[in-house]
């Protein structure tokens, strides 16, 4: 860190405590280029964890000797398949490795499909912390399903109440405007 700060080595900052070194990596490491870090949290309430998750993943990538070309952070549900930043990574053939902290950061379901499709393209999804056993994965998936369905149910109820309120307002306005 001191050599970077003093200008003795070239590099750039990623997060508060991480410096990516540009000099001489090609000669010391024989690793894939264009490695992307993908950090995700489910809701805006967890946003403070997003930066620390990204920093941990960058530190992991550096320890593995990777040249990290992108750090992508996103807020969105792992069940939702319309996460634009993750989709952009999957669609970018120049990214050879996508690093995630846990499998569920990529997707709650279908991670094997993602891995298989990337493998066909000569790319990989690298999961840093694999679940220790199948029971842990199964419980996490079950919790995710229940959470998702509850969120949808409450969302539908909220939408119904909002629609009813709008209709009441419109009916009140129609009654005010009616000649009488």
Protein backbone atom coordinates (compact mmCIF):
# COMPACT_ATOMS: atom_id res chain seq x y z
CA UNK A 1 0.00 0.00 0.00
CA UNK A 2 2.82 2.39 0.83
CA UNK A 3 4.60 1.72 -2.48
CA UNK A 4 1.36 2.47 -4.35
CA UNK A 5 0.83 5.65 -2.34
CA UNK A 6 4.44 6.74 -2.97
CA UNK A 7 4.11 6.07 -6.71
CA UNK A 8 6.70 3.27 -6.81
CA UNK A 9 4.22 0.83 -8.36
CA UNK A 10 1.29 1.43 -10.71
CA UNK A 11 -2.23 0.46 -9.82
CA UNK A 12 -5.69 1.68 -8.89
CA UNK A 13 -7.95 1.64 -5.84
CA UNK A 14 -10.92 -0.70 -5.52
CA UNK A 15 -12.82 0.05 -2.33
CA UNK A 16 -11.29 1.53 0.81
CA UNK A 17 -8.63 -1.04 1.59
CA UNK A 18 -7.79 -2.69 -1.74
CA UNK A 19 -5.30 -1.63 -4.41
CA UNK A 20 -5.11 -3.42 -7.75
CA UNK A 21 -1.52 -3.55 -9.07
CA UNK A 22 -1.04 -3.15 -12.84
CA UNK A 23 2.69 -3.79 -13.11
CA UNK A 24 4.12 -7.17 -14.06
CA UNK A 25 1.06 -9.33 -13.55
CA UNK A 26 1.35 -10.84 -17.03
CA UNK A 27 4.75 -12.34 -16.20
CA UNK A 28 3.89 -13.69 -12.75
CA UNK A 29 0.43 -15.09 -13.27
CA UNK A 30 -1.04 -17.41 -15.81
CA UNK A 31 -4.69 -16.81 -14.97
CA UNK A 32 -7.75 -15.85 -16.96
CA UNK A 33 -8.09 -12.24 -17.94
CA UNK A 34 -11.33 -10.28 -17.74
CA UNK A 35 -12.50 -11.53 -14.39
CA UNK A 36 -15.63 -9.87 -13.04
CA UNK A 37 -16.72 -9.61 -9.43
CA UNK A 38 -20.48 -9.77 -8.88
CA UNK A 39 -21.81 -8.65 -5.50
CA UNK A 40 -25.54 -8.57 -4.78
CA UNK A 41 -27.82 -7.85 -1.85
CA UNK A 42 -31.56 -8.47 -1.82
CA UNK A 43 -32.80 -5.09 -0.65
CA UNK A 44 -31.72 -1.49 -0.21
CA UNK A 45 -31.73 -2.07 3.56
CA UNK A 46 -28.71 -4.38 3.07
CA UNK A 47 -26.85 -1.93 0.83
CA UNK A 48 -24.08 -1.27 3.40
CA UNK A 49 -23.13 -4.96 3.06
CA UNK A 50 -22.70 -4.57 -0.70
CA UNK A 51 -19.39 -2.71 -0.51
CA UNK A 52 -17.90 -5.08 2.05
CA UNK A 53 -19.02 -8.08 -0.02
CA UNK A 54 -17.35 -6.59 -3.11
CA UNK A 55 -14.15 -5.89 -1.16
CA UNK A 56 -14.00 -9.48 0.10
CA UNK A 57 -14.43 -10.77 -3.44
CA UNK A 58 -11.74 -8.45 -4.80
CA UNK A 59 -9.37 -9.64 -2.07
CA UNK A 60 -10.17 -13.24 -3.02
CA UNK A 61 -9.55 -12.53 -6.71
CA UNK A 62 -6.25 -10.80 -5.98
CA UNK A 63 -5.16 -13.69 -3.75
CA UNK A 64 -5.92 -16.05 -6.65
CA UNK A 65 -3.82 -13.87 -8.94
CA UNK A 66 -6.69 -12.77 -11.17
CA UNK A 67 -6.77 -9.55 -13.15
CA UNK A 68 -10.11 -8.10 -12.16
CA UNK A 69 -11.59 -6.04 -14.95
CA UNK A 70 -15.02 -5.26 -13.46
CA UNK A 71 -16.63 -4.97 -10.06
CA UNK A 72 -20.39 -5.10 -10.42
CA UNK A 73 -22.71 -4.34 -7.51
CA UNK A 74 -26.46 -4.82 -7.67
CA UNK A 75 -29.49 -4.63 -5.40
CA UNK A 76 -32.17 -7.14 -6.31
CA UNK A 77 -33.74 -10.44 -5.39
CA UNK A 78 -31.93 -13.64 -6.32
CA UNK A 79 -35.26 -15.06 -7.45
CA UNK A 80 -35.80 -12.19 -9.87
CA UNK A 81 -34.31 -13.02 -13.26
CA UNK A 82 -34.51 -9.42 -14.47
CA UNK A 83 -31.33 -8.09 -12.86
CA UNK A 84 -29.81 -5.95 -15.62
CA UNK A 85 -26.24 -5.84 -14.31
CA UNK A 86 -26.01 -9.62 -13.83
CA UNK A 87 -27.59 -10.24 -17.22
CA UNK A 88 -25.04 -7.89 -18.81
CA UNK A 89 -22.21 -9.95 -17.27
CA UNK A 90 -23.74 -13.17 -18.56
CA UNK A 91 -24.14 -11.69 -22.05
CA UNK A 92 -20.58 -10.32 -22.21
CA UNK A 93 -18.41 -12.99 -23.88
CA UNK A 94 -15.29 -11.02 -22.94
CA UNK A 95 -15.77 -11.84 -19.26
CA UNK A 96 -14.15 -15.23 -18.73
CA UNK A 97 -14.76 -15.67 -15.00
CA UNK A 98 -17.57 -14.30 -12.82
CA UNK A 99 -16.81 -14.52 -9.10
CA UNK A 100 -19.65 -14.58 -6.55
CA UNK A 101 -19.46 -15.06 -2.78
CA UNK A 102 -22.23 -17.64 -2.48
CA UNK A 103 -24.21 -19.53 -5.09
CA UNK A 104 -27.36 -17.63 -4.17
CA UNK A 105 -25.71 -14.30 -5.09
CA UNK A 106 -25.93 -15.44 -8.72
CA UNK A 107 -29.37 -17.02 -8.47
CA UNK A 108 -31.56 -18.78 -5.95
CA UNK A 109 -32.40 -21.47 -8.49
CA UNK A 110 -30.83 -22.77 -11.67
CA UNK A 111 -27.17 -22.06 -10.89
CA UNK A 112 -26.19 -25.33 -12.55
CA UNK A 113 -27.85 -24.13 -15.76
CA UNK A 114 -25.86 -20.90 -15.61
CA UNK A 115 -22.62 -22.81 -14.96
CA UNK A 116 -23.30 -25.23 -17.81
CA UNK A 117 -24.06 -22.50 -20.32
CA UNK A 118 -20.97 -20.54 -19.30
CA UNK A 119 -18.83 -23.69 -19.54
CA UNK A 120 -19.98 -24.25 -23.13
CA UNK A 121 -18.66 -20.75 -23.89
CA UNK A 122 -15.34 -21.46 -22.17
CA UNK A 123 -16.29 -19.30 -19.20
CA UNK A 124 -16.87 -20.06 -15.52
CA UNK A 125 -18.89 -18.98 -12.53
CA UNK A 126 -16.60 -19.22 -9.52
CA UNK A 127 -18.34 -19.54 -6.16
CA UNK A 128 -16.09 -18.61 -3.25
CA UNK A 129 -18.07 -20.12 -0.37
CA UNK A 130 -19.66 -23.41 -1.32
CA UNK A 131 -22.35 -24.74 1.02
CA UNK A 132 -20.97 -27.38 3.33
CA UNK A 133 -23.85 -29.78 2.78
CA UNK A 134 -27.04 -30.20 0.79
CA UNK A 135 -29.25 -29.58 3.82
CA UNK A 136 -27.91 -26.02 4.15
CA UNK A 137 -28.69 -25.37 0.47
CA UNK A 138 -32.14 -26.94 0.74
CA UNK A 139 -33.08 -24.87 3.81
CA UNK A 140 -31.84 -21.67 2.16
CA UNK A 141 -33.88 -22.44 -0.98
CA UNK A 142 -37.01 -23.24 1.05
CA UNK A 143 -36.65 -19.99 2.99
CA UNK A 144 -36.23 -18.07 -0.26
CA UNK A 145 -39.36 -19.59 -1.77
CA UNK A 146 -41.47 -18.79 1.29
CA UNK A 147 -40.07 -15.25 1.45
CA UNK A 148 -40.73 -14.70 -2.26
CA UNK A 149 -44.31 -15.94 -2.08
CA UNK A 150 -45.03 -13.86 1.02
CA UNK A 151 -43.62 -10.76 -0.67
CA UNK A 152 -45.77 -11.38 -3.74
CA UNK A 153 -48.86 -12.02 -1.63
CA UNK A 154 -48.40 -8.83 0.40
CA UNK A 155 -47.56 -6.94 -2.77
CA UNK A 156 -50.81 -8.11 -4.34
CA UNK A 157 -52.76 -7.10 -1.25
CA UNK A 158 -51.09 -3.70 -1.25
CA UNK A 159 -51.84 -3.27 -4.97
CA UNK A 160 -55.47 -4.28 -4.38
CA UNK A 161 -55.84 -1.72 -1.57
CA UNK A 162 -54.21 0.96 -3.70
CA UNK A 163 -56.53 0.22 -6.63
CA UNK A 164 -59.57 0.30 -4.33
CA UNK A 165 -58.42 3.67 -2.96
CA UNK A 166 -57.99 5.10 -6.47
CA UNK A 167 -61.47 3.86 -7.45
CA UNK A 168 -62.96 5.46 -4.31
CA UNK A 169 -61.25 8.76 -5.14
CA UNK A 170 -62.48 8.64 -8.71
CA UNK A 171 -66.04 7.81 -7.60
CA UNK A 172 -65.93 10.70 -5.16
CA UNK A 173 -64.77 13.04 -7.91
CA UNK A 174 -67.47 11.80 -10.29
CA UNK A 175 -70.13 12.42 -7.62
CA UNK A 176 -68.76 15.97 -7.05
CA UNK A 177 -68.76 16.72 -10.79
CA UNK A 178 -72.26 15.32 -11.38
CA UNK A 179 -75.00 17.95 -11.74
CA UNK A 180 -77.38 17.64 -9.00
